[in-house]
């Protein structure tokens, strides 16, 4: 077979393959799983220090760091099984 016929057949097959890939991607076949670890927000504190809110699954954490260390400062939210329960200081409604 002449080279231009082989090239034409290859181009035709590649075109069909590309169309099939586009159809599958529209159906969601190639979707990535949702990431479980996310950086929600950061705040620079100067001198290479920072604060960051990090989400892991359903929990959020406040972390602080420098160029040499990282520290957990606070847990900002609880998992969904405890989400319906407000902190004790908010639940009481009046000072004890």
N, C-alpha and C. Protein backbone atom coordinates (compact mmCIF):
# COMPACT_ATOMS: atom_id res chain seq x y z
N UNK A 1 0.84 -1.19 0.00
CA UNK A 1 0.00 0.00 0.00
C UNK A 1 0.87 1.24 0.00
N UNK A 2 0.43 2.25 -0.69
CA UNK A 2 1.17 3.52 -0.67
C UNK A 2 1.12 4.16 0.72
N UNK A 3 2.12 4.92 1.04
CA UNK A 3 2.23 5.55 2.35
C UNK A 3 1.07 6.48 2.63
N UNK A 4 0.61 7.26 1.64
CA UNK A 4 -0.47 8.21 1.88
C UNK A 4 -1.79 7.50 2.21
N UNK A 5 -2.00 6.27 1.70
CA UNK A 5 -3.20 5.50 2.05
C UNK A 5 -3.12 5.03 3.50
N UNK A 6 -1.95 4.56 3.91
CA UNK A 6 -1.75 4.12 5.30
C UNK A 6 -1.92 5.31 6.25
N UNK A 7 -1.35 6.46 5.88
CA UNK A 7 -1.51 7.67 6.70
C UNK A 7 -2.98 8.06 6.81
N UNK A 8 -3.71 7.95 5.72
CA UNK A 8 -5.13 8.29 5.72
C UNK A 8 -5.93 7.36 6.62
N UNK A 9 -5.61 6.06 6.58
CA UNK A 9 -6.31 5.09 7.42
C UNK A 9 -5.99 5.34 8.90
N UNK A 10 -4.73 5.66 9.16
CA UNK A 10 -4.32 5.95 10.53
C UNK A 10 -5.05 7.19 11.05
N UNK A 11 -5.12 8.23 10.24
CA UNK A 11 -5.81 9.46 10.63
C UNK A 11 -7.29 9.20 10.88
N UNK A 12 -7.90 8.36 10.06
CA UNK A 12 -9.32 8.03 10.22
C UNK A 12 -9.54 7.29 11.54
N UNK A 13 -8.67 6.33 11.83
CA UNK A 13 -8.80 5.57 13.08
C UNK A 13 -8.54 6.46 14.29
N UNK A 14 -7.56 7.33 14.20
CA UNK A 14 -7.27 8.23 15.31
C UNK A 14 -8.44 9.19 15.54
N UNK A 15 -9.05 9.65 14.46
CA UNK A 15 -10.21 10.52 14.57
C UNK A 15 -11.37 9.81 15.27
N UNK A 16 -11.61 8.56 14.91
CA UNK A 16 -12.67 7.78 15.55
C UNK A 16 -12.35 7.53 17.03
N UNK A 17 -11.10 7.25 17.31
CA UNK A 17 -10.67 7.05 18.70
C UNK A 17 -10.87 8.33 19.51
N UNK A 18 -10.52 9.47 18.94
CA UNK A 18 -10.68 10.74 19.62
C UNK A 18 -12.15 11.01 19.91
N UNK A 19 -13.04 10.75 18.97
CA UNK A 19 -14.48 10.95 19.17
C UNK A 19 -15.00 10.04 20.30
N UNK A 20 -14.52 8.79 20.34
CA UNK A 20 -14.93 7.87 21.40
C UNK A 20 -14.47 8.38 22.76
N UNK A 21 -13.26 8.90 22.85
CA UNK A 21 -12.74 9.44 24.11
C UNK A 21 -13.57 10.64 24.54
N UNK A 22 -13.94 11.51 23.62
CA UNK A 22 -14.77 12.68 23.97
C UNK A 22 -16.14 12.25 24.50
N UNK A 23 -16.74 11.24 23.89
CA UNK A 23 -18.04 10.74 24.36
C UNK A 23 -17.93 10.18 25.77
N UNK A 24 -16.88 9.39 26.03
CA UNK A 24 -16.69 8.82 27.36
C UNK A 24 -16.45 9.91 28.40
N UNK A 25 -15.69 10.93 28.06
CA UNK A 25 -15.40 11.98 29.03
C UNK A 25 -16.67 12.78 29.35
N UNK A 26 -17.58 12.95 28.39
CA UNK A 26 -18.85 13.64 28.66
C UNK A 26 -19.72 12.83 29.60
N UNK A 27 -19.58 11.53 29.59
CA UNK A 27 -20.36 10.66 30.47
C UNK A 27 -19.76 10.57 31.87
N UNK A 28 -18.61 11.13 32.09
CA UNK A 28 -18.00 11.12 33.41
C UNK A 28 -17.12 9.91 33.67
N UNK A 29 -16.77 9.17 32.64
CA UNK A 29 -15.96 7.96 32.83
C UNK A 29 -14.56 8.32 33.33
N UNK A 30 -14.03 9.48 32.94
CA UNK A 30 -12.67 9.84 33.27
C UNK A 30 -12.57 10.83 34.44
N UNK A 31 -13.62 10.95 35.23
CA UNK A 31 -13.58 11.88 36.35
C UNK A 31 -12.64 11.38 37.44
N UNK A 32 -11.87 12.31 38.01
CA UNK A 32 -10.98 11.98 39.12
C UNK A 32 -11.80 11.82 40.39
N UNK A 33 -11.36 10.98 41.29
CA UNK A 33 -12.04 10.93 42.58
C UNK A 33 -11.84 12.26 43.31
N UNK A 34 -12.80 12.62 44.14
CA UNK A 34 -12.71 13.87 44.88
C UNK A 34 -11.52 13.83 45.82
N UNK A 35 -10.79 14.91 45.87
CA UNK A 35 -9.63 14.98 46.77
C UNK A 35 -10.11 15.07 48.21
N UNK A 36 -9.40 14.42 49.10
CA UNK A 36 -9.79 14.42 50.50
C UNK A 36 -9.02 15.45 51.31
N UNK A 37 -7.91 15.92 50.80
CA UNK A 37 -7.10 16.91 51.50
C UNK A 37 -7.10 18.19 50.67
N UNK A 38 -7.54 19.30 51.28
CA UNK A 38 -7.60 20.58 50.56
C UNK A 38 -7.04 21.70 51.42
N UNK A 39 -6.37 22.62 50.77
CA UNK A 39 -5.92 23.85 51.41
C UNK A 39 -7.00 24.88 51.15
N UNK A 40 -7.75 25.27 52.18
CA UNK A 40 -8.89 26.18 52.01
C UNK A 40 -8.47 27.64 51.94
N UNK A 41 -7.54 28.04 52.82
CA UNK A 41 -7.15 29.44 52.89
C UNK A 41 -5.80 29.56 53.57
N UNK A 42 -5.03 30.57 53.18
CA UNK A 42 -3.75 30.84 53.85
C UNK A 42 -3.64 32.32 54.16
N UNK A 43 -2.86 32.63 55.17
CA UNK A 43 -2.59 34.01 55.56
C UNK A 43 -1.11 34.12 55.89
N UNK A 44 -0.42 35.00 55.19
CA UNK A 44 0.99 35.23 55.45
C UNK A 44 1.14 36.09 56.69
N UNK A 45 2.07 35.70 57.56
CA UNK A 45 2.34 36.46 58.77
C UNK A 45 3.67 37.20 58.69
N UNK A 46 4.30 37.20 57.55
CA UNK A 46 5.60 37.84 57.39
C UNK A 46 6.68 36.97 58.00
N UNK A 47 7.92 37.30 57.71
CA UNK A 47 9.05 36.53 58.25
C UNK A 47 8.90 35.03 58.02
N UNK A 48 8.32 34.67 56.89
CA UNK A 48 8.12 33.27 56.46
C UNK A 48 7.14 32.49 57.34
N UNK A 49 6.30 33.17 58.10
CA UNK A 49 5.28 32.50 58.90
C UNK A 49 3.94 32.55 58.18
N UNK A 50 3.07 31.61 58.50
CA UNK A 50 1.75 31.59 57.86
C UNK A 50 0.74 30.87 58.74
N UNK A 51 -0.51 31.16 58.49
CA UNK A 51 -1.63 30.41 59.04
C UNK A 51 -2.36 29.80 57.86
N UNK A 52 -2.93 28.62 58.06
CA UNK A 52 -3.66 27.97 56.98
C UNK A 52 -4.84 27.19 57.54
N UNK A 53 -5.92 27.18 56.78
CA UNK A 53 -7.05 26.33 57.08
C UNK A 53 -6.97 25.15 56.10
N UNK A 54 -6.93 23.95 56.67
CA UNK A 54 -6.79 22.74 55.87
C UNK A 54 -8.00 21.86 56.13
N UNK A 55 -8.59 21.33 55.05
CA UNK A 55 -9.72 20.42 55.19
C UNK A 55 -9.28 19.01 54.83
N UNK A 56 -9.61 18.07 55.70
CA UNK A 56 -9.39 16.65 55.43
C UNK A 56 -10.71 15.95 55.63
N UNK A 57 -11.23 15.35 54.57
CA UNK A 57 -12.55 14.75 54.55
C UNK A 57 -13.56 15.79 55.04
N UNK A 58 -14.17 15.62 56.20
CA UNK A 58 -15.18 16.56 56.68
C UNK A 58 -14.67 17.43 57.83
N UNK A 59 -13.40 17.37 58.13
CA UNK A 59 -12.83 18.11 59.23
C UNK A 59 -11.99 19.27 58.71
N UNK A 60 -11.98 20.37 59.47
CA UNK A 60 -11.12 21.51 59.15
C UNK A 60 -10.19 21.77 60.32
N UNK A 61 -8.96 22.18 59.99
CA UNK A 61 -7.94 22.43 60.99
C UNK A 61 -7.25 23.76 60.70
N UNK A 62 -6.88 24.46 61.76
CA UNK A 62 -6.06 25.66 61.64
C UNK A 62 -4.63 25.24 61.96
N UNK A 63 -3.73 25.48 61.03
CA UNK A 63 -2.32 25.14 61.24
C UNK A 63 -1.48 26.40 61.07
N UNK A 64 -0.39 26.44 61.78
CA UNK A 64 0.56 27.53 61.66
C UNK A 64 1.91 26.97 61.31
N UNK A 65 2.68 27.74 60.60
CA UNK A 65 3.98 27.22 60.21
C UNK A 65 4.99 28.30 59.88
N UNK A 66 6.22 27.84 59.78
CA UNK A 66 7.33 28.66 59.34
C UNK A 66 8.05 27.84 58.28
N UNK A 67 9.20 28.32 57.83
CA UNK A 67 9.95 27.54 56.85
C UNK A 67 10.58 26.28 57.47
N UNK A 68 10.56 26.16 58.82
CA UNK A 68 11.17 25.00 59.46
C UNK A 68 10.22 24.15 60.28
N UNK A 69 8.99 24.63 60.54
CA UNK A 69 8.09 23.84 61.38
C UNK A 69 6.64 24.06 60.99
N UNK A 70 5.80 23.13 61.46
CA UNK A 70 4.36 23.17 61.22
C UNK A 70 3.69 22.71 62.50
N UNK A 71 2.61 23.42 62.92
CA UNK A 71 1.94 23.05 64.17
C UNK A 71 0.42 23.13 63.99
N UNK A 72 -0.26 22.16 64.57
CA UNK A 72 -1.72 22.18 64.61
C UNK A 72 -2.14 23.14 65.72
N UNK A 73 -2.91 24.16 65.38
CA UNK A 73 -3.33 25.16 66.36
C UNK A 73 -4.73 24.89 66.89
N UNK A 74 -5.64 24.43 66.02
CA UNK A 74 -7.02 24.19 66.46
C UNK A 74 -7.75 23.32 65.46
N UNK A 75 -8.72 22.56 65.97
CA UNK A 75 -9.64 21.83 65.11
C UNK A 75 -10.86 22.74 64.95
N UNK A 76 -11.17 23.13 63.72
CA UNK A 76 -12.23 24.10 63.48
C UNK A 76 -13.61 23.47 63.33
N UNK A 77 -13.67 22.23 62.92
CA UNK A 77 -14.96 21.57 62.76
C UNK A 77 -14.82 20.10 63.07
N UNK A 78 -15.93 19.49 63.40
CA UNK A 78 -15.95 18.07 63.72
C UNK A 78 -16.57 17.31 62.56
N UNK A 79 -16.40 15.98 62.51
CA UNK A 79 -17.03 15.18 61.46
C UNK A 79 -18.55 15.33 61.50
N UNK A 80 -19.21 14.94 60.42
CA UNK A 80 -20.66 15.15 60.28
C UNK A 80 -21.48 14.48 61.38
N UNK A 81 -21.03 13.38 61.97
CA UNK A 81 -21.81 12.72 63.02
C UNK A 81 -21.90 13.59 64.27
N UNK A 82 -21.00 14.56 64.41
CA UNK A 82 -21.07 15.47 65.56
C UNK A 82 -21.45 16.89 65.13
N UNK A 83 -21.73 17.08 63.83
CA UNK A 83 -21.99 18.42 63.32
C UNK A 83 -23.27 19.02 63.89
N UNK A 84 -24.26 18.20 64.25
CA UNK A 84 -25.51 18.72 64.77
C UNK A 84 -25.40 19.23 66.19
N UNK A 85 -24.32 18.92 66.86
CA UNK A 85 -24.13 19.32 68.26
C UNK A 85 -23.26 20.57 68.32
N UNK A 86 -23.81 21.65 68.87
CA UNK A 86 -23.07 22.90 69.00
C UNK A 86 -22.12 22.81 70.18
N UNK A 87 -21.07 23.61 70.20
CA UNK A 87 -20.16 23.63 71.35
C UNK A 87 -20.94 23.99 72.62
N UNK A 88 -20.46 23.54 73.76
CA UNK A 88 -21.18 23.73 75.03
C UNK A 88 -21.43 25.19 75.33
N UNK A 89 -20.49 26.09 75.04
CA UNK A 89 -20.67 27.50 75.36
C UNK A 89 -21.81 28.11 74.55
N UNK A 90 -22.07 27.59 73.36
CA UNK A 90 -23.15 28.10 72.54
C UNK A 90 -24.47 27.45 72.93
N UNK A 91 -24.44 26.19 73.33
CA UNK A 91 -25.66 25.46 73.68
C UNK A 91 -26.36 26.04 74.91
N UNK A 92 -25.62 26.45 75.89
CA UNK A 92 -26.22 26.86 77.16
C UNK A 92 -27.09 28.10 77.02
N UNK A 93 -26.71 29.03 76.15
CA UNK A 93 -27.50 30.21 75.92
C UNK A 93 -27.33 31.29 76.98
N UNK A 94 -26.93 30.93 78.18
CA UNK A 94 -26.70 31.93 79.23
C UNK A 94 -25.52 31.51 80.06
N UNK A 95 -24.81 32.48 80.63
CA UNK A 95 -23.63 32.11 81.43
C UNK A 95 -24.04 31.31 82.66
N UNK A 96 -23.19 30.40 83.06
CA UNK A 96 -23.48 29.52 84.21
C UNK A 96 -23.09 30.15 85.51
